Amino acid sequence: MSARDELPLAITEKFLEYAADLSCSLPSSAILVYADVFAGGEKLDRFLEKTNHRRLFLVTREKGFQAPEGIEIIEVPEIKLTRLGQIKVAILIGVARGLFSHQDILVCLSGVAESGYLDTLFILDLDKEFEIFALSQLEDLKEIVRPEVFQRVLSLAITLATQGREGKPVGTCFIMGDSDEVLAHCEQMVINPFRGYPENERNILDPRLEETIKEFALLDGAFVIRGDGIIETAGAFIRTGIVSADIPSGLGARHRSAAAITAITKAVAITVSESTGTVTVFRDGKIVMEIEKPHPLGPETQWRRAFYAGPHAPSEWPHKTKID
């Protein structure tokens, strides 16, 4: 192996050594490593030794990923996002599961999936980071919504935002938890498509419902989902005029409704913007986090391939426009 070929591996080792040193000097810190960077288990094990297993979390898109003993796995959606997008989603899922709090300082390491090396390091103070300033709003979320339900809905929202439906952009809203109170402020815009079905046939955790959810996402109105994942309705109109003063101006009716319903109930809402593909999480009438949809920028290049956190370039995305 030439010196040039060895350089990425040397950079990865330095990244991990530096991350381990930082985790010792920073209070309430943890290390997040995007595990899909490593194509083989042996390389990953060798690199993990550099961290001495200090409060380490592995982020992966691979279902059933087997991690070394004592290391927590955070599974993120199988969607191509930017490096920062993948980290933001991992942090959001981690907070929903009670793994992180707003007081944590996270050392995050990422790179191109299956490239075999790390090339990006973020240090995020969750209490001060302006992009995720409201994460404290989610620290009691697991008392309202089961973490696996939140993770499943987030994954569906990101999939809809990225892929749309049959090549067309989709805008929708999912409202989770405190469903009785939420329904008291809703009325149906269409006949409830889930009415009359037994609960075991309308749980959003059931993978067989994925295509059904994607189809009903085309309806105006919101999904209302119980904290245990049971879908109460779709196409619901939120009947409230209360809007938090913290919500930026210029948001559409869907986002303002999501803000309003979370301000007067204990629910959490996730919206998908039809125009931009941005996924937004609301709690207590506030925006908790925004996850922007990555957009292809011109012809496929090595830089473009490296920018996206996935083994393939965005040329394979169903919404890619033809480039002459």
Protein backbone atom coordinates (compact mmCIF):
# COMPACT_ATOMS: atom_id res chain seq x y z
CA MET A 1 0.00 0.00 0.00
CA SER A 2 1.35 3.39 -1.04
CA ALA A 3 1.72 6.33 1.33
CA ARG A 4 -1.19 8.02 -0.44
CA ASP A 5 -3.43 4.98 0.12
CA GLU A 6 -2.48 4.85 3.78
CA LEU A 7 -3.30 8.53 4.34
CA PRO A 8 -7.10 8.10 4.83
CA LEU A 9 -6.53 5.37 7.41
CA ALA A 10 -4.01 7.51 9.23
CA ILE A 11 -6.48 10.42 9.25
CA THR A 12 -9.19 8.15 10.67
CA GLU A 13 -6.92 6.97 13.49
CA LYS A 14 -6.03 10.57 14.33
CA PHE A 15 -9.70 11.52 14.32
CA LEU A 16 -10.55 8.75 16.76
CA GLU A 17 -7.60 9.47 19.02
CA TYR A 18 -8.52 13.16 19.09
CA ALA A 19 -12.19 12.32 19.77
CA ALA A 20 -11.18 10.08 22.67
CA ASP A 21 -8.98 12.84 24.15
CA LEU A 22 -11.78 15.38 23.74
CA SER A 23 -14.31 13.13 25.46
CA CYS A 24 -12.02 13.01 28.51
CA SER A 25 -11.68 16.78 28.73
CA LEU A 26 -15.28 17.79 27.96
CA PRO A 27 -17.99 17.47 30.65
CA SER A 28 -20.99 15.18 29.99
CA SER A 29 -19.57 14.15 26.65
CA ALA A 30 -20.11 11.21 24.32
CA ILE A 31 -18.72 10.11 20.96
CA LEU A 32 -20.94 9.39 17.95
CA VAL A 33 -19.33 7.45 15.11
CA TYR A 34 -21.01 6.86 11.75
CA ALA A 35 -20.34 3.13 11.60
CA ASP A 36 -21.35 2.70 7.94
CA VAL A 37 -18.04 4.31 7.03
CA PHE A 38 -16.37 1.00 7.83
CA ALA A 39 -16.97 -1.65 5.17
CA GLY A 40 -15.72 -4.50 7.37
CA GLY A 41 -16.19 -5.48 10.99
CA GLU A 42 -12.47 -6.01 11.60
CA LYS A 43 -11.64 -2.42 10.66
CA LEU A 44 -14.40 -1.11 12.89
CA ASP A 45 -13.22 -3.18 15.87
CA ARG A 46 -9.67 -1.95 15.40
CA PHE A 47 -10.75 1.66 15.26
CA LEU A 48 -13.03 1.30 18.28
CA GLU A 49 -10.04 0.29 20.37
CA LYS A 50 -8.69 3.81 19.90
CA THR A 51 -11.68 5.24 21.78
CA ASN A 52 -11.36 2.89 24.77
CA HIS A 53 -15.17 2.53 24.55
CA ARG A 54 -15.76 5.89 26.27
CA ARG A 55 -19.55 6.44 26.18
CA LEU A 56 -19.56 5.51 22.53
CA PHE A 57 -22.55 5.36 20.17
CA LEU A 58 -22.48 3.86 16.70
CA VAL A 59 -24.80 5.37 14.09
CA THR A 60 -25.87 3.09 11.25
CA ARG A 61 -28.46 2.66 8.53
CA GLU A 62 -28.02 -1.11 8.64
CA LYS A 63 -30.86 -3.03 10.28
CA GLY A 64 -29.74 -5.63 12.83
CA PHE A 65 -26.26 -4.15 13.06
CA GLN A 66 -24.18 -6.06 15.61
CA ALA A 67 -22.04 -3.85 17.80
CA PRO A 68 -19.36 -4.84 20.31
CA GLU A 69 -20.59 -5.44 23.84
CA GLY A 70 -21.33 -2.29 25.82
CA ILE A 71 -21.74 -0.01 22.81
CA GLU A 72 -25.14 1.51 21.99
CA ILE A 73 -26.51 1.49 18.44
CA ILE A 74 -28.55 4.35 16.97
CA GLU A 75 -30.29 3.25 13.79
CA VAL A 76 -31.09 6.04 11.33
CA PRO A 77 -33.32 5.87 8.22
CA GLU A 78 -31.94 4.24 5.09
CA ILE A 79 -31.97 7.57 3.28
CA LYS A 80 -29.10 9.49 1.72
CA LEU A 81 -28.55 12.62 3.80
CA THR A 82 -25.64 14.96 4.24
CA ARG A 83 -23.18 14.19 7.01
CA LEU A 84 -24.73 16.85 9.25
CA GLY A 85 -28.20 15.57 8.39
CA GLN A 86 -27.32 12.05 9.53
CA ILE A 87 -25.84 13.38 12.77
CA LYS A 88 -28.88 15.57 13.48
CA VAL A 89 -31.23 12.63 12.95
CA ALA A 90 -29.10 10.42 15.21
CA ILE A 91 -29.13 13.05 17.97
CA LEU A 92 -32.88 13.49 17.64
CA ILE A 93 -33.47 9.74 17.96
CA GLY A 94 -30.99 9.55 20.85
CA VAL A 95 -32.81 12.27 22.79
CA ALA A 96 -36.17 10.60 22.14
CA ARG A 97 -34.73 7.35 23.54
CA GLY A 98 -33.31 9.11 26.58
CA LEU A 99 -29.68 8.52 25.56
CA PHE A 100 -28.77 12.23 25.47
CA SER A 101 -29.88 15.37 27.24
CA HIS A 102 -29.58 19.02 26.29
CA GLN A 103 -26.62 19.23 28.70
CA ASP A 104 -24.48 16.85 26.66
CA ILE A 105 -21.52 17.82 24.50
CA LEU A 106 -21.17 15.39 21.62
CA VAL A 107 -18.09 14.61 19.55
CA CYS A 108 -19.45 13.40 16.20
CA LEU A 109 -17.37 11.60 13.56
CA SER A 110 -18.62 10.91 10.06
CA GLY A 111 -17.60 10.21 6.48
CA VAL A 112 -18.80 8.60 3.27
CA ALA A 113 -20.54 5.27 3.84
CA GLU A 114 -18.34 2.22 3.13
CA SER A 115 -15.36 4.43 2.29
CA GLY A 116 -13.38 2.87 5.12
CA TYR A 117 -12.34 6.13 6.78
CA LEU A 118 -13.62 9.15 8.68
CA ASP A 119 -13.16 12.66 7.34
CA THR A 120 -15.47 14.96 9.34
CA LEU A 121 -15.60 15.95 13.01
CA PHE A 122 -18.32 18.00 14.71
CA ILE A 123 -18.39 19.13 18.34
CA LEU A 124 -21.96 19.94 19.34
CA ASP A 125 -22.94 21.50 22.65
CA LEU A 126 -26.62 20.57 22.72
CA ASP A 127 -27.42 23.31 25.21
CA LYS A 128 -26.03 26.05 22.97
CA GLU A 129 -26.19 24.71 19.43
CA PHE A 130 -28.51 27.12 17.60
CA GLU A 131 -29.77 24.53 15.12
CA ILE A 132 -30.96 22.16 17.85
CA PHE A 133 -31.60 24.63 20.63
CA ALA A 134 -34.94 23.12 21.65
CA LEU A 135 -33.89 19.51 22.22
CA SER A 136 -34.77 19.90 25.91
CA GLN A 137 -38.39 19.90 24.73
CA LEU A 138 -38.05 16.19 23.90
CA GLU A 139 -36.43 14.90 27.07
CA ASP A 140 -39.77 13.67 28.48
CA LEU A 141 -41.01 12.49 25.09
CA LYS A 142 -40.76 8.78 25.89
CA GLU A 143 -43.46 9.28 28.52
CA ILE A 144 -45.81 10.45 25.75
CA VAL A 145 -44.62 8.53 22.68
CA ARG A 146 -42.75 5.25 22.56
CA PRO A 147 -39.24 5.86 21.16
CA GLU A 148 -39.67 3.26 18.44
CA VAL A 149 -42.89 4.99 17.29
CA PHE A 150 -41.15 8.37 17.10
CA GLN A 151 -38.24 6.81 15.22
CA ARG A 152 -40.58 5.07 12.76
CA VAL A 153 -42.56 8.23 12.02
CA LEU A 154 -39.37 10.25 11.63
CA SER A 155 -38.07 7.67 9.16
CA LEU A 156 -41.32 7.77 7.15
CA ALA A 157 -41.26 11.58 7.12
CA ILE A 158 -37.66 11.69 5.85
CA THR A 159 -38.47 9.07 3.20
CA LEU A 160 -41.45 11.10 1.98
CA ALA A 161 -39.40 14.29 2.01
CA THR A 162 -36.57 12.74 0.03
CA GLN A 163 -38.43 10.49 -2.40
CA GLY A 164 -41.93 11.95 -2.56
CA ARG A 165 -44.67 9.72 -3.91
CA GLU A 166 -44.44 8.37 -7.46
CA GLY A 167 -41.91 11.06 -8.27
CA LYS A 168 -44.03 13.93 -6.96
CA PRO A 169 -43.27 16.00 -3.82
CA VAL A 170 -45.45 15.33 -0.78
CA GLY A 171 -46.38 17.53 2.15
CA THR A 172 -47.92 16.04 5.28
CA CYS A 173 -48.09 16.17 9.06
CA PHE A 174 -47.85 13.46 11.75
CA ILE A 175 -49.12 14.22 15.28
CA MET A 176 -48.07 11.72 17.95
CA GLY A 177 -49.17 11.26 21.55
CA ASP A 178 -51.95 12.75 23.72
CA SER A 179 -54.31 11.64 20.94
CA ASP A 180 -57.58 12.11 22.87
CA GLU A 181 -56.79 15.77 23.48
CA VAL A 182 -55.53 16.22 19.92
CA LEU A 183 -58.70 14.72 18.43
CA ALA A 184 -60.78 17.11 20.51
CA HIS A 185 -59.27 19.91 18.39
CA CYS A 186 -59.66 18.16 15.03
CA GLU A 187 -62.34 17.50 12.45
CA GLN A 188 -62.21 15.23 9.44
CA MET A 189 -61.61 16.71 6.02
CA VAL A 190 -62.37 13.29 4.48
CA ILE A 191 -63.87 10.07 5.81
CA ASN A 192 -61.42 8.54 8.29
CA PRO A 193 -59.67 5.82 6.23
CA PHE A 194 -58.62 3.91 9.38
CA ARG A 195 -62.02 3.83 11.05
CA GLY A 196 -63.38 0.36 11.76
CA TYR A 197 -60.07 -1.48 11.47
CA PRO A 198 -58.79 -3.41 14.52
CA GLU A 199 -55.83 -1.86 16.31
CA ASN A 200 -53.43 -4.60 15.28
CA GLU A 201 -54.05 -3.65 11.63
CA ARG A 202 -53.36 0.09 12.03
CA ASN A 203 -50.15 0.26 14.02
CA ILE A 204 -47.55 2.41 12.31
CA LEU A 205 -44.82 0.03 13.49
CA ASP A 206 -46.21 -2.60 11.10
CA PRO A 207 -44.00 -2.43 7.98
CA ARG A 208 -46.94 -3.63 5.86
CA LEU A 209 -48.58 -0.23 6.40
CA GLU A 210 -45.75 1.75 4.82
CA GLU A 211 -47.32 2.00 1.36
CA THR A 212 -50.70 2.82 2.90
CA ILE A 213 -49.15 5.67 4.92
CA LYS A 214 -47.39 7.03 1.86
CA GLU A 215 -50.63 6.97 -0.13
CA PHE A 216 -52.71 8.69 2.57
CA ALA A 217 -49.96 11.29 2.97
CA LEU A 218 -51.32 12.76 -0.25
CA LEU A 219 -54.51 13.75 1.60
CA ASP A 220 -54.91 17.22 3.04
CA GLY A 221 -54.77 17.24 6.82
CA ALA A 222 -52.77 15.36 9.43
CA PHE A 223 -52.23 11.84 10.72
CA VAL A 224 -53.13 11.49 14.40
CA ILE A 225 -51.19 8.67 16.05
CA ARG A 226 -51.37 7.35 19.60
CA GLY A 227 -48.22 7.12 21.66
CA ASP A 228 -48.17 3.34 21.18
CA GLY A 229 -48.28 3.68 17.39
CA ILE A 230 -51.98 3.09 16.72
CA ILE A 231 -53.15 5.37 13.90
CA GLU A 232 -56.38 7.08 14.93
CA THR A 233 -57.02 8.94 11.69
CA ALA A 234 -55.61 10.59 8.59
CA GLY A 235 -56.85 13.69 6.78
CA ALA A 236 -57.62 15.50 10.04
CA PHE A 237 -58.01 19.29 10.09
CA ILE A 238 -56.60 20.97 13.22
CA ARG A 239 -59.18 23.39 14.54
CA THR A 240 -57.22 25.92 16.56
CA GLY A 241 -55.98 29.44 16.09
CA ILE A 242 -53.33 29.38 18.82
CA VAL A 243 -49.84 29.86 17.40
CA SER A 244 -46.64 30.26 19.39
CA ALA A 245 -44.85 33.59 19.05
CA ASP A 246 -41.59 31.63 18.65
CA ILE A 247 -42.64 30.23 15.27
CA PRO A 248 -40.90 32.10 12.42
CA SER A 249 -43.11 34.06 10.07
CA GLY A 250 -43.67 32.76 6.58
CA LEU A 251 -44.59 29.20 7.54
CA GLY A 252 -47.55 27.60 5.79
CA ALA A 253 -50.80 26.43 7.33
CA ARG A 254 -49.49 22.90 7.94
CA HIS A 255 -46.55 24.08 10.03
CA ARG A 256 -48.54 26.66 11.95
CA SER A 257 -51.17 24.03 12.77
CA ALA A 258 -48.43 21.67 13.99
CA ALA A 259 -47.06 24.43 16.20
CA ALA A 260 -50.51 25.25 17.54
CA ILE A 261 -51.57 21.70 18.44
CA THR A 262 -48.29 20.98 20.22
CA ALA A 263 -48.67 24.25 22.16
CA ILE A 264 -52.02 23.23 23.69
CA THR A 265 -51.41 19.46 24.07
CA LYS A 266 -48.53 17.18 25.08
CA ALA A 267 -48.21 15.89 21.53
CA VAL A 268 -45.18 16.07 19.24
CA ALA A 269 -45.60 16.80 15.53
CA ILE A 270 -43.46 16.11 12.48
CA THR A 271 -44.18 17.95 9.25
CA VAL A 272 -42.92 17.48 5.70
CA SER A 273 -42.80 20.57 3.51
CA GLU A 274 -44.10 19.91 0.00
CA SER A 275 -42.20 22.87 -1.44
CA THR A 276 -38.77 22.36 0.15
CA GLY A 277 -38.75 18.77 1.47
CA THR A 278 -37.68 20.02 4.90
CA VAL A 279 -38.71 17.82 7.84
CA THR A 280 -39.60 19.85 10.94
CA VAL A 281 -40.18 18.58 14.49
CA PHE A 282 -42.48 20.58 16.79
CA ARG A 283 -43.04 20.34 20.56
CA ASP A 284 -44.64 22.80 22.99
CA GLY A 285 -45.40 25.11 20.09
CA LYS A 286 -41.73 25.41 19.15
CA ILE A 287 -39.53 24.13 16.38
CA VAL A 288 -37.27 21.49 17.92
CA MET A 289 -35.25 20.68 14.80
CA GLU A 290 -35.28 21.06 11.05
CA ILE A 291 -33.75 18.48 8.73
CA GLU A 292 -33.21 19.85 5.26
CA LYS A 293 -33.51 17.70 2.19
CA PRO A 294 -30.21 17.47 0.33
CA HIS A 295 -30.40 18.59 -3.29
CA PRO A 296 -28.23 17.39 -6.17
CA LEU A 297 -26.12 20.25 -7.53
CA GLY A 298 -25.19 19.81 -11.16
CA PRO A 299 -23.48 16.88 -12.89
CA GLU A 300 -22.20 13.97 -10.88
CA THR A 301 -18.66 14.55 -9.65
CA GLN A 302 -16.35 12.97 -7.13
CA TRP A 303 -17.01 15.97 -4.83
CA ARG A 304 -20.75 15.50 -5.17
CA ARG A 305 -20.46 11.80 -4.40
CA ALA A 306 -18.38 12.57 -1.30
CA PHE A 307 -20.76 15.25 -0.04
CA TYR A 308 -23.64 12.85 0.52
CA ALA A 309 -23.55 10.33 3.38
CA GLY A 310 -24.32 7.28 1.29
CA PRO A 311 -22.52 4.63 -0.77
CA HIS A 312 -24.12 5.91 -3.99
CA ALA A 313 -24.36 9.34 -5.57
CA PRO A 314 -27.73 11.14 -5.74
CA SER A 315 -27.99 10.22 -9.44
CA GLU A 316 -29.97 7.19 -8.27
CA TRP A 317 -32.60 9.29 -6.49
CA PRO A 318 -36.07 9.03 -8.04
CA HIS A 319 -36.53 12.83 -8.02
CA LYS A 320 -33.29 13.59 -9.89
CA THR A 321 -33.86 15.82 -12.88
CA LYS A 322 -32.33 14.86 -16.20
CA ILE A 323 -29.05 16.59 -16.93
CA ASP A 324 -28.20 16.96 -20.61
